Protein backbone atom coordinates (compact mmCIF):
# COMPACT_ATOMS: atom_id res chain seq x y z
CA MET A 1 -7.43 -56.51 45.23
CA PRO A 2 -5.53 -58.43 42.54
CA LEU A 3 -2.26 -57.25 41.07
CA ASN A 4 -3.59 -55.96 37.76
CA ALA A 5 -4.83 -52.80 36.05
CA SER A 6 -7.52 -52.24 38.70
CA ALA A 7 -4.94 -51.90 41.50
CA SER A 8 -4.77 -48.46 43.11
CA VAL A 9 -1.56 -46.43 42.93
CA ARG A 10 -0.20 -44.09 45.61
CA ILE A 11 2.68 -41.78 44.76
CA ALA A 12 4.34 -40.73 48.03
CA ARG A 13 6.69 -37.77 48.23
CA PRO A 14 8.24 -35.66 50.96
CA SER A 15 7.13 -32.06 51.23
CA ARG A 16 8.79 -29.07 52.87
CA ASP A 17 5.46 -27.28 53.33
CA LEU A 18 2.14 -29.11 53.15
CA GLY A 19 0.23 -25.81 53.01
CA ALA A 20 2.11 -24.72 49.90
CA ALA A 21 1.67 -28.18 48.39
CA GLU A 22 -2.07 -28.07 49.04
CA ARG A 23 -2.39 -24.64 47.42
CA PHE A 24 -0.66 -25.99 44.28
CA TRP A 25 -2.33 -29.39 43.95
CA VAL A 26 -5.81 -28.48 45.22
CA GLY A 27 -6.16 -24.78 44.43
CA GLY A 28 -4.03 -24.88 41.30
CA LEU A 29 -4.72 -28.24 39.67
CA GLY A 30 -8.12 -28.89 41.18
CA LEU A 31 -7.44 -32.13 43.04
CA ASP A 32 -9.45 -32.89 46.18
CA VAL A 33 -8.09 -33.43 49.67
CA LEU A 34 -8.78 -37.13 50.23
CA TYR A 35 -7.18 -37.37 53.68
CA ARG A 36 -5.19 -35.20 56.05
CA HIS A 37 -3.27 -35.93 59.23
CA THR A 38 -1.41 -33.25 61.14
CA THR A 39 1.13 -33.77 63.89
CA ASP A 40 3.21 -31.33 65.90
CA GLY A 41 6.31 -33.52 65.80
CA THR A 42 6.32 -34.45 69.48
CA THR A 43 5.57 -38.14 68.84
CA PRO A 44 8.61 -39.88 67.32
CA GLY A 45 7.96 -41.30 63.88
CA GLU A 46 4.62 -39.58 63.43
CA HIS A 47 4.25 -37.68 60.15
CA SER A 48 1.87 -35.05 58.88
CA LEU A 49 0.43 -36.03 55.55
CA LEU A 50 -1.85 -34.78 52.86
CA MET A 51 -3.44 -37.11 50.32
CA VAL A 52 -4.79 -35.43 47.20
CA GLY A 53 -6.41 -36.77 44.07
CA TRP A 54 -9.65 -37.07 42.20
CA PRO A 55 -12.14 -39.18 44.18
CA ASP A 56 -12.89 -41.56 41.29
CA ALA A 57 -9.26 -42.00 40.18
CA THR A 58 -7.26 -45.16 40.91
CA TRP A 59 -4.26 -43.05 41.92
CA HIS A 60 -3.52 -40.37 44.46
CA LEU A 61 -0.60 -38.32 45.65
CA GLU A 62 0.53 -38.57 49.27
CA LEU A 63 2.63 -35.68 50.51
CA VAL A 64 4.47 -36.30 53.76
CA HIS A 65 6.19 -34.02 56.25
CA ASP A 66 7.90 -35.07 59.49
CA PRO A 67 8.24 -31.91 61.58
CA ALA A 68 10.76 -33.58 63.91
CA ALA A 69 13.00 -34.87 61.11
CA PRO A 70 12.04 -33.29 57.77
CA VAL A 71 13.17 -34.96 54.57
CA ASP A 72 14.24 -32.50 51.90
CA PRO A 73 12.68 -33.35 48.51
CA ARG A 74 15.31 -34.26 45.91
CA PRO A 75 13.53 -34.51 42.58
CA THR A 76 15.53 -35.10 39.42
CA PRO A 77 14.65 -33.64 36.00
CA GLU A 78 13.09 -37.01 35.11
CA ASP A 79 10.80 -37.29 38.19
CA LEU A 80 7.60 -36.48 36.34
CA LEU A 81 3.94 -36.83 37.15
CA VAL A 82 2.32 -36.83 33.71
CA ILE A 83 -1.40 -36.28 33.26
CA TYR A 84 -2.62 -37.05 29.75
CA LEU A 85 -5.37 -34.59 28.81
CA GLY A 86 -5.88 -35.59 25.18
CA GLU A 87 -6.47 -31.94 24.29
CA PRO A 88 -4.63 -28.62 24.39
CA VAL A 89 -3.56 -27.50 27.85
CA PRO A 90 -5.75 -24.55 28.83
CA ASP A 91 -3.78 -21.37 29.53
CA SER A 92 -6.15 -20.79 32.45
CA VAL A 93 -4.98 -24.00 34.14
CA VAL A 94 -1.30 -23.09 33.71
CA GLY A 95 -2.04 -19.61 35.05
CA ARG A 96 -3.91 -21.05 38.04
CA LEU A 97 -0.99 -23.40 38.80
CA GLU A 98 1.40 -20.44 38.68
CA ASP A 99 -0.92 -18.35 40.86
CA HIS A 100 -0.86 -21.19 43.40
CA GLY A 101 2.90 -21.57 43.73
CA GLY A 102 3.92 -23.38 40.54
CA LYS A 103 6.44 -22.26 37.96
CA ARG A 104 6.28 -23.16 34.29
CA VAL A 105 9.66 -24.51 33.22
CA PRO A 106 11.19 -26.02 30.09
CA ALA A 107 11.25 -29.80 30.20
CA HIS A 108 14.55 -31.67 30.51
CA ASN A 109 13.34 -33.91 27.69
CA PRO A 110 12.12 -31.71 24.78
CA TYR A 111 9.46 -34.33 24.00
CA TRP A 112 7.37 -32.90 26.84
CA ASP A 113 7.69 -29.34 25.49
CA THR A 114 6.35 -30.62 22.16
CA TRP A 115 3.48 -32.54 23.75
CA GLY A 116 2.58 -30.50 26.81
CA VAL A 117 3.43 -28.05 29.53
CA THR A 118 5.77 -28.67 32.47
CA VAL A 119 5.17 -26.96 35.82
CA ARG A 120 7.41 -27.22 38.89
CA ASP A 121 5.50 -27.62 42.17
CA PRO A 122 6.57 -25.87 45.42
CA ASP A 123 8.75 -28.89 46.38
CA GLY A 124 10.54 -28.95 43.02
CA TYR A 125 8.72 -31.93 41.50
CA LEU A 126 7.55 -31.67 37.92
CA LEU A 127 3.98 -31.95 36.70
CA VAL A 128 3.49 -32.43 32.97
CA LEU A 129 0.11 -31.72 31.47
CA SER A 130 0.25 -33.57 28.17
CA THR A 131 -1.84 -32.82 25.12
CA ARG A 132 -1.57 -36.47 24.13
CA THR A 133 -3.77 -39.35 25.15
CA TRP A 134 -2.47 -42.42 26.89
CA SER A 135 -2.68 -45.74 25.19
CA ASN A 136 -0.87 -48.85 26.23
CA ALA A 137 -1.49 -50.47 22.85
């Protein structure tokens, strides 16, 4: 695959609890489980992982947990995953995210409060659902 706009993107992050992460991203946001691998931590260097996304998207989120040597997530206020909806954010989606372990929070940058809704996932990372559309022009 060439290095251009058709290249796939994987966002990899550590997770404290893949079950909680799955509830948020799959049950809350509606992503699909694209791949799952579970380990008990007895094999050095082997990680449990959960890949979620929309099957036709060119990006997906990989959540990783090493039971033998867990990495604590350390998101900053500017570590954002922004999804551009191009329409108002449905209250039902925000409610579903909260029902599945998310917490609506004010954005560090007020721009995102003007143009969307920010929700903290169970690992502390921020999801922004933006009312804007994305254009690279």
